[in-house]
N, C-alpha and C. Protein backbone atom coordinates (compact mmCIF):
# COMPACT_ATOMS: atom_id res chain seq x y z
N UNK A 1 -115.44 84.60 13.61
CA UNK A 1 -115.59 85.83 12.90
C UNK A 1 -116.50 86.94 13.62
N UNK A 2 -115.86 88.03 13.93
CA UNK A 2 -116.61 89.05 14.56
C UNK A 2 -117.71 89.70 13.75
N UNK A 3 -118.54 90.44 14.53
CA UNK A 3 -119.47 91.11 13.90
C UNK A 3 -119.24 91.90 12.78
N UNK A 4 -118.13 92.91 12.86
CA UNK A 4 -117.70 93.70 11.85
C UNK A 4 -117.22 92.69 10.52
N UNK A 5 -116.49 91.81 10.69
CA UNK A 5 -116.06 90.81 9.77
C UNK A 5 -117.27 90.16 9.00
N UNK A 6 -118.25 89.79 9.88
CA UNK A 6 -119.41 89.18 9.36
C UNK A 6 -120.22 90.15 8.38
N UNK A 7 -120.27 91.43 8.86
CA UNK A 7 -120.97 92.36 8.11
C UNK A 7 -120.29 92.77 6.85
N UNK A 8 -118.90 92.91 6.77
CA UNK A 8 -118.00 92.99 5.63
C UNK A 8 -118.31 91.81 4.65
N UNK A 9 -118.39 90.56 5.12
CA UNK A 9 -118.52 89.33 4.36
C UNK A 9 -119.87 89.55 3.61
N UNK A 10 -121.01 89.84 4.51
CA UNK A 10 -122.36 89.93 3.79
C UNK A 10 -122.29 91.02 2.80
N UNK A 11 -121.78 92.14 2.98
CA UNK A 11 -121.63 93.23 2.03
C UNK A 11 -121.04 92.71 0.77
N UNK A 12 -119.91 92.15 0.90
CA UNK A 12 -119.08 91.73 -0.24
C UNK A 12 -120.03 90.58 -1.06
N UNK A 13 -120.79 89.75 -0.30
CA UNK A 13 -121.55 88.75 -1.20
C UNK A 13 -122.87 89.54 -1.78
N UNK A 14 -123.44 90.64 -1.06
CA UNK A 14 -124.34 91.32 -1.70
C UNK A 14 -123.95 92.01 -2.88
N UNK A 15 -122.97 92.58 -2.83
CA UNK A 15 -122.36 93.34 -4.12
C UNK A 15 -122.05 92.49 -5.22
N UNK A 16 -121.56 91.21 -4.92
CA UNK A 16 -121.19 90.37 -5.80
C UNK A 16 -122.53 89.81 -6.43
N UNK A 17 -123.53 89.57 -5.68
CA UNK A 17 -124.77 89.00 -6.34
C UNK A 17 -125.37 90.15 -7.24
N UNK A 18 -125.48 91.35 -6.53
CA UNK A 18 -125.94 92.58 -7.53
C UNK A 18 -125.19 92.66 -8.78
N UNK A 19 -123.92 92.59 -8.61
CA UNK A 19 -123.14 92.72 -9.95
C UNK A 19 -123.38 91.71 -10.90
N UNK A 20 -123.55 90.35 -10.50
CA UNK A 20 -123.97 89.34 -11.42
C UNK A 20 -125.25 89.59 -12.07
N UNK A 21 -126.13 89.94 -11.28
CA UNK A 21 -127.60 90.21 -11.84
C UNK A 21 -127.54 91.48 -12.87
N UNK A 22 -126.76 92.46 -12.38
CA UNK A 22 -126.71 93.62 -13.38
C UNK A 22 -126.03 93.31 -14.59
N UNK A 23 -125.03 92.38 -14.63
CA UNK A 23 -124.43 92.10 -16.00
C UNK A 23 -125.38 91.15 -16.73
N UNK A 24 -126.02 90.24 -16.19
CA UNK A 24 -127.16 89.51 -16.74
C UNK A 24 -128.22 90.34 -17.31
N UNK A 25 -128.57 91.40 -16.65
CA UNK A 25 -129.58 92.44 -17.07
C UNK A 25 -129.15 93.20 -18.46
N UNK A 26 -127.95 93.70 -18.33
CA UNK A 26 -127.39 94.37 -19.51
C UNK A 26 -127.31 93.48 -20.73
N UNK A 27 -126.85 92.31 -20.45
CA UNK A 27 -126.73 91.22 -21.54
C UNK A 27 -128.07 91.12 -22.10
N UNK A 28 -129.14 90.85 -21.32
CA UNK A 28 -130.50 90.52 -21.93
C UNK A 28 -131.03 91.90 -22.70
N UNK A 29 -130.74 93.01 -22.11
CA UNK A 29 -131.14 94.22 -22.85
C UNK A 29 -130.45 94.26 -24.18
N UNK A 30 -129.07 94.11 -24.24
CA UNK A 30 -128.44 94.00 -25.43
C UNK A 30 -128.97 93.17 -26.56
N UNK A 31 -129.31 91.94 -26.07
CA UNK A 31 -129.73 90.97 -26.93
C UNK A 31 -131.14 91.38 -27.38
N UNK A 32 -132.02 91.87 -26.59
CA UNK A 32 -133.35 92.24 -26.97
C UNK A 32 -133.40 93.28 -27.88
N UNK A 33 -132.48 94.23 -27.93
CA UNK A 33 -132.38 95.37 -28.83
C UNK A 33 -132.13 94.71 -30.41
N UNK A 34 -131.41 93.71 -30.46
CA UNK A 34 -131.00 93.07 -31.59
C UNK A 34 -132.08 92.31 -32.15
N UNK A 35 -133.21 91.82 -31.56
CA UNK A 35 -134.29 91.02 -31.97
C UNK A 35 -135.12 92.02 -32.69
N UNK A 36 -135.47 91.70 -33.97
CA UNK A 36 -136.39 92.57 -34.78
C UNK A 36 -137.31 91.69 -35.65
N UNK A 37 -138.23 92.31 -36.17
CA UNK A 37 -139.09 91.40 -37.10
C UNK A 37 -140.42 91.24 -36.47
N UNK A 38 -141.16 90.55 -37.25
CA UNK A 38 -142.65 90.19 -36.65
C UNK A 38 -142.72 89.35 -35.56
N UNK A 39 -143.24 89.87 -34.29
CA UNK A 39 -143.17 89.30 -33.03
C UNK A 39 -144.36 88.16 -32.99
N UNK A 40 -144.26 87.18 -33.82
CA UNK A 40 -145.20 86.10 -33.79
C UNK A 40 -145.10 85.29 -32.62
N UNK A 41 -145.89 84.13 -32.53
CA UNK A 41 -145.90 83.35 -31.39
C UNK A 41 -144.56 82.62 -31.09
N UNK A 42 -144.00 82.12 -32.24
CA UNK A 42 -142.70 81.47 -32.14
C UNK A 42 -141.63 82.36 -31.58
N UNK A 43 -141.53 83.56 -32.03
CA UNK A 43 -140.49 84.45 -31.69
C UNK A 43 -140.69 85.00 -30.22
N UNK A 44 -141.93 85.21 -29.97
CA UNK A 44 -142.17 85.59 -28.62
C UNK A 44 -141.86 84.49 -27.51
N UNK A 45 -142.29 83.25 -27.93
CA UNK A 45 -141.99 82.10 -27.02
C UNK A 45 -140.45 81.79 -26.91
N UNK A 46 -139.71 81.95 -28.04
CA UNK A 46 -138.31 81.77 -28.04
C UNK A 46 -137.64 82.82 -27.27
N UNK A 47 -138.18 84.16 -27.33
CA UNK A 47 -137.63 85.26 -26.72
C UNK A 47 -137.87 85.01 -25.05
N UNK A 48 -139.00 84.68 -24.76
CA UNK A 48 -139.40 84.46 -23.25
C UNK A 48 -138.61 83.17 -22.62
N UNK A 49 -138.42 82.25 -23.46
CA UNK A 49 -137.75 81.11 -23.00
C UNK A 49 -136.37 81.39 -22.87
N UNK A 50 -135.66 81.98 -23.76
CA UNK A 50 -134.32 82.41 -23.66
C UNK A 50 -133.92 83.24 -22.53
N UNK A 51 -134.84 84.19 -22.24
CA UNK A 51 -134.72 85.07 -21.08
C UNK A 51 -134.78 84.26 -19.74
N UNK A 52 -135.72 83.39 -19.72
CA UNK A 52 -136.08 82.37 -18.43
C UNK A 52 -134.78 81.56 -18.38
N UNK A 53 -134.22 81.03 -19.20
CA UNK A 53 -133.04 80.32 -19.12
C UNK A 53 -131.86 81.22 -18.62
N UNK A 54 -131.50 82.35 -19.28
CA UNK A 54 -130.44 83.27 -18.82
C UNK A 54 -130.70 83.63 -17.25
N UNK A 55 -131.92 83.94 -16.93
CA UNK A 55 -132.12 84.30 -15.47
C UNK A 55 -131.98 83.13 -14.62
N UNK A 56 -132.39 81.98 -14.96
CA UNK A 56 -132.12 80.83 -14.22
C UNK A 56 -130.74 80.49 -14.01
N UNK A 57 -129.79 80.71 -15.07
CA UNK A 57 -128.47 80.48 -15.10
C UNK A 57 -127.88 81.47 -14.05
N UNK A 58 -128.27 82.71 -14.32
CA UNK A 58 -127.92 83.80 -13.49
C UNK A 58 -128.11 83.59 -11.90
N UNK A 59 -129.27 83.05 -11.50
CA UNK A 59 -129.46 82.78 -10.17
C UNK A 59 -128.56 81.54 -9.66
N UNK A 60 -128.47 80.63 -10.60
CA UNK A 60 -127.59 79.57 -10.22
C UNK A 60 -126.12 80.07 -10.01
N UNK A 61 -125.76 80.97 -10.72
CA UNK A 61 -124.44 81.57 -10.52
C UNK A 61 -124.32 82.23 -9.31
N UNK A 62 -125.30 83.04 -8.80
CA UNK A 62 -125.30 83.84 -7.61
C UNK A 62 -125.43 82.86 -6.44
N UNK A 63 -126.18 81.82 -6.49
CA UNK A 63 -126.18 80.70 -5.54
C UNK A 63 -124.88 80.12 -5.33
N UNK A 64 -124.13 79.91 -6.38
CA UNK A 64 -122.83 79.28 -6.37
C UNK A 64 -121.79 80.23 -5.72
N UNK A 65 -121.94 81.45 -5.95
CA UNK A 65 -121.20 82.52 -5.31
C UNK A 65 -121.20 82.35 -3.84
N UNK A 66 -122.47 82.40 -3.34
CA UNK A 66 -122.57 82.29 -1.86
C UNK A 66 -121.95 80.90 -1.33
N UNK A 67 -122.23 79.89 -2.01
CA UNK A 67 -121.78 78.54 -1.73
C UNK A 67 -120.19 78.48 -1.56
N UNK A 68 -119.45 79.12 -2.73
CA UNK A 68 -118.20 78.93 -2.74
C UNK A 68 -117.51 79.81 -1.46
N UNK A 69 -118.08 80.98 -1.21
CA UNK A 69 -117.54 81.61 -0.04
C UNK A 69 -117.90 81.02 1.38
N UNK A 70 -119.10 80.36 1.55
CA UNK A 70 -119.40 79.53 2.67
C UNK A 70 -118.43 78.48 2.77
N UNK A 71 -118.03 77.81 1.64
CA UNK A 71 -117.08 76.74 1.66
C UNK A 71 -115.73 77.16 2.11
N UNK A 72 -115.34 78.30 1.39
CA UNK A 72 -113.92 78.71 1.73
C UNK A 72 -113.68 79.32 3.10
N UNK A 73 -114.78 79.65 3.83
CA UNK A 73 -114.79 80.17 5.16
C UNK A 73 -114.93 78.90 6.14
N UNK A 74 -115.13 77.76 5.62
CA UNK A 74 -115.33 76.53 6.36
C UNK A 74 -116.68 76.68 7.23
N UNK A 75 -117.58 77.19 6.66
CA UNK A 75 -118.81 77.23 7.38
C UNK A 75 -119.63 75.77 7.20
N UNK A 76 -119.17 75.13 6.19
CA UNK A 76 -119.83 73.74 5.93
C UNK A 76 -118.61 72.78 5.71
N UNK A 77 -118.82 71.56 5.79
CA UNK A 77 -117.60 70.49 5.73
C UNK A 77 -117.06 70.33 4.28
N UNK A 78 -118.17 70.55 3.35
CA UNK A 78 -117.88 70.29 1.96
C UNK A 78 -118.60 71.20 1.07
N UNK A 79 -118.18 71.31 -0.23
CA UNK A 79 -118.95 72.29 -1.01
C UNK A 79 -120.30 71.86 -1.32
N UNK A 80 -120.54 70.44 -1.48
CA UNK A 80 -121.89 70.11 -1.77
C UNK A 80 -122.95 70.62 -0.77
N UNK A 81 -122.61 70.57 0.53
CA UNK A 81 -123.37 71.01 1.64
C UNK A 81 -123.44 72.58 1.46
N UNK A 82 -122.40 73.31 1.17
CA UNK A 82 -122.50 74.76 1.06
C UNK A 82 -123.61 75.09 -0.05
N UNK A 83 -123.43 74.26 -1.10
CA UNK A 83 -124.34 74.53 -2.36
C UNK A 83 -125.85 74.24 -1.83
N UNK A 84 -126.00 73.00 -1.23
CA UNK A 84 -127.32 72.79 -0.96
C UNK A 84 -127.92 73.76 0.01
N UNK A 85 -127.25 74.27 1.06
CA UNK A 85 -127.71 75.30 1.92
C UNK A 85 -128.01 76.51 1.20
N UNK A 86 -127.14 77.07 0.27
CA UNK A 86 -127.36 78.21 -0.54
C UNK A 86 -128.53 78.09 -1.44
N UNK A 87 -128.80 76.82 -1.90
CA UNK A 87 -129.92 76.77 -2.88
C UNK A 87 -131.32 76.89 -2.01
N UNK A 88 -131.29 76.37 -0.77
CA UNK A 88 -132.36 76.25 -0.05
C UNK A 88 -132.47 77.31 1.23
N UNK A 89 -131.66 78.25 1.18
CA UNK A 89 -131.66 79.34 2.25
C UNK A 89 -132.91 80.05 2.44
N UNK A 90 -133.54 80.36 1.25
CA UNK A 90 -134.86 81.07 1.40
C UNK A 90 -135.94 80.18 1.92
N UNK A 91 -135.91 78.92 1.65
CA UNK A 91 -137.07 77.98 2.05
C UNK A 91 -137.08 77.75 3.47
N UNK A 92 -135.82 77.63 4.10
CA UNK A 92 -135.71 77.40 5.44
C UNK A 92 -136.11 75.96 5.97
N UNK A 93 -135.78 75.03 5.23
CA UNK A 93 -135.89 73.67 5.59
C UNK A 93 -135.27 73.23 6.91
N UNK A 94 -134.11 73.83 7.38
CA UNK A 94 -133.69 73.46 8.57
C UNK A 94 -132.85 72.15 8.80
N UNK A 95 -132.73 71.39 7.67
CA UNK A 95 -131.82 70.21 7.83
C UNK A 95 -130.44 70.51 7.82
N UNK A 96 -130.04 71.69 7.22
CA UNK A 96 -128.67 72.12 7.18
C UNK A 96 -128.75 73.51 7.75
N UNK A 97 -127.84 73.82 8.83
CA UNK A 97 -127.83 75.16 9.39
C UNK A 97 -126.42 75.62 9.56
N UNK A 98 -126.38 76.97 9.39
CA UNK A 98 -125.02 77.57 9.84
C UNK A 98 -124.88 77.54 11.22
N UNK A 99 -123.54 77.56 11.75
CA UNK A 99 -123.31 77.80 13.12
C UNK A 99 -124.00 78.99 13.72
N UNK A 100 -124.43 79.07 14.96
CA UNK A 100 -125.14 79.91 15.52
C UNK A 100 -124.75 81.37 15.21
N UNK A 101 -123.30 81.51 15.32
CA UNK A 101 -122.86 83.06 15.13
C UNK A 101 -122.82 83.44 13.81
N UNK A 102 -123.12 82.66 12.58
CA UNK A 102 -123.30 82.96 11.44
C UNK A 102 -124.57 82.85 10.70
N UNK A 103 -125.60 82.60 11.63
CA UNK A 103 -126.99 82.42 10.97
C UNK A 103 -127.68 83.64 10.43
N UNK A 104 -127.22 84.84 10.71
CA UNK A 104 -127.75 86.07 10.04
C UNK A 104 -127.38 85.92 8.74
N UNK A 105 -126.31 85.27 8.19
CA UNK A 105 -126.09 85.16 6.82
C UNK A 105 -127.04 84.43 6.01
N UNK A 106 -127.66 83.46 6.64
CA UNK A 106 -128.72 82.79 5.89
C UNK A 106 -129.94 83.73 5.58
N UNK A 107 -130.22 84.33 6.51
CA UNK A 107 -131.47 85.31 6.45
C UNK A 107 -131.00 86.37 5.60
N UNK A 108 -129.82 87.00 5.48
CA UNK A 108 -129.42 87.93 4.52
C UNK A 108 -129.55 87.25 3.00
N UNK A 109 -129.01 86.08 2.96
CA UNK A 109 -128.87 85.45 1.67
C UNK A 109 -130.44 85.36 1.17
N UNK A 110 -131.30 84.88 2.07
CA UNK A 110 -132.71 84.76 1.62
C UNK A 110 -133.39 86.04 1.17
N UNK A 111 -133.05 87.04 1.92
CA UNK A 111 -133.74 88.48 1.47
C UNK A 111 -133.06 88.78 0.23
N UNK A 112 -131.75 88.72 0.06
CA UNK A 112 -131.04 89.08 -1.22
C UNK A 112 -131.72 88.20 -2.37
N UNK A 113 -131.86 86.81 -2.21
CA UNK A 113 -132.58 86.21 -3.17
C UNK A 113 -133.92 86.51 -3.54
N UNK A 114 -134.63 87.06 -2.56
CA UNK A 114 -136.05 87.48 -2.99
C UNK A 114 -135.97 88.77 -3.86
N UNK A 115 -135.08 89.49 -3.42
CA UNK A 115 -134.89 90.72 -4.26
C UNK A 115 -134.48 90.47 -5.65
N UNK A 116 -133.43 89.54 -5.68
CA UNK A 116 -133.07 89.06 -7.04
C UNK A 116 -134.16 88.39 -7.92
N UNK A 117 -134.86 87.52 -7.31
CA UNK A 117 -136.09 87.08 -7.89
C UNK A 117 -137.14 88.20 -8.47
N UNK A 118 -137.30 89.14 -7.54
CA UNK A 118 -138.14 90.24 -7.89
C UNK A 118 -137.66 90.96 -9.16
N UNK A 119 -136.39 91.21 -9.12
CA UNK A 119 -135.64 91.75 -10.29
C UNK A 119 -135.78 91.16 -11.54
N UNK A 120 -135.73 89.81 -11.59
CA UNK A 120 -135.88 88.91 -12.69
C UNK A 120 -137.38 89.00 -13.16
N UNK A 121 -138.22 88.85 -12.01
CA UNK A 121 -139.69 89.02 -12.54
C UNK A 121 -140.02 90.32 -13.28
N UNK A 122 -139.46 91.41 -12.70
CA UNK A 122 -139.71 92.76 -13.45
C UNK A 122 -139.11 92.75 -14.87
N UNK A 123 -137.90 92.10 -15.03
CA UNK A 123 -137.42 92.03 -16.42
C UNK A 123 -138.32 91.08 -17.30
N UNK A 124 -138.85 90.02 -16.87
CA UNK A 124 -139.71 89.21 -17.62
C UNK A 124 -140.98 89.93 -17.96
N UNK A 125 -141.59 90.68 -16.88
CA UNK A 125 -142.81 91.40 -17.02
C UNK A 125 -142.58 92.33 -18.12
N UNK A 126 -141.50 93.14 -18.11
CA UNK A 126 -141.33 94.24 -18.99
C UNK A 126 -141.11 93.79 -20.34
N UNK A 127 -140.47 92.58 -20.57
CA UNK A 127 -140.29 92.03 -21.91
C UNK A 127 -141.73 91.51 -22.32
N UNK A 128 -142.54 90.95 -21.64
CA UNK A 128 -143.88 90.40 -22.11
C UNK A 128 -144.86 91.57 -22.31
N UNK A 129 -144.82 92.59 -21.55
CA UNK A 129 -145.50 93.72 -21.66
C UNK A 129 -145.36 94.44 -23.06
N UNK A 130 -143.97 94.56 -23.24
CA UNK A 130 -143.60 95.15 -24.59
C UNK A 130 -143.97 94.30 -25.74
N UNK A 131 -143.82 93.03 -25.70
CA UNK A 131 -144.15 92.38 -26.90
C UNK A 131 -145.70 92.01 -27.04
N UNK A 132 -146.45 91.91 -26.00
CA UNK A 132 -147.79 91.71 -26.08
C UNK A 132 -148.64 92.93 -26.09
N UNK A 133 -148.29 94.10 -25.70
CA UNK A 133 -149.09 95.37 -25.81
C UNK A 133 -149.62 95.71 -27.09
N UNK A 134 -149.05 95.54 -28.16
CA UNK A 134 -149.52 95.89 -29.47
C UNK A 134 -150.87 94.99 -29.78
N UNK A 135 -150.63 93.70 -29.30
CA UNK A 135 -151.82 92.76 -29.54
C UNK A 135 -152.94 93.02 -28.53
N UNK A 136 -152.70 93.29 -27.46
CA UNK A 136 -153.78 93.63 -26.37
C UNK A 136 -154.51 94.91 -26.87
N UNK A 137 -153.80 96.06 -27.21
CA UNK A 137 -154.44 97.20 -27.47
C UNK A 137 -155.07 97.25 -28.87
N UNK A 138 -154.98 96.21 -29.74
CA UNK A 138 -155.53 95.98 -30.90
C UNK A 138 -154.85 96.60 -32.23
N UNK A 139 -153.67 97.22 -31.81
CA UNK A 139 -152.94 97.75 -33.14
C UNK A 139 -152.32 96.77 -34.00
N UNK A 140 -152.23 95.61 -33.50
CA UNK A 140 -151.67 94.52 -34.45
C UNK A 140 -152.36 93.14 -34.15
N UNK A 141 -152.43 92.51 -35.40
CA UNK A 141 -152.98 91.33 -35.47
C UNK A 141 -152.11 90.20 -35.46
N UNK A 142 -152.07 89.37 -34.40
CA UNK A 142 -151.01 88.29 -34.24
C UNK A 142 -151.02 87.36 -35.42
N UNK A 143 -152.05 87.18 -36.20
CA UNK A 143 -151.84 86.28 -37.26
C UNK A 143 -151.51 86.89 -38.58
N UNK A 144 -151.38 88.16 -38.74
CA UNK A 144 -150.91 88.81 -39.96
C UNK A 144 -149.43 89.31 -39.77
N UNK A 145 -148.58 89.04 -40.72
CA UNK A 145 -147.28 89.91 -40.73
C UNK A 145 -147.36 91.27 -40.73
N UNK A 146 -146.39 92.18 -40.36
CA UNK A 146 -146.50 93.46 -40.50
C UNK A 146 -146.58 94.18 -41.88
């Protein structure tokens, strides 16, 4: 694979990853708007846990996207190894490595992964800030219904 082909491959994976994350974000926003009522402990916990679950599934889907394309390009001998590498690309354990001419992809995947984790963190912080701010500023009592 030439440098131009490698760059096109990386750009395709980046766009695919961002598209998956964007769809998950809009899904979460749509669901959030439908949640109403008193934001007590149980509702806040359920809301946070469901968002964490959606985000974890989103990250797993993004990892699988990279793994499928690594496997389809014969970068690894089997899908399991492709998935293992994709899951650990940001960690850099080094027990499984891409061939020398493709190693930049691992770094690119790691950087994209960090950005996606940051995006997920921002979504969770935004949710928690929105639901907890009335309790923090004292305008609501968490033990009393509205």
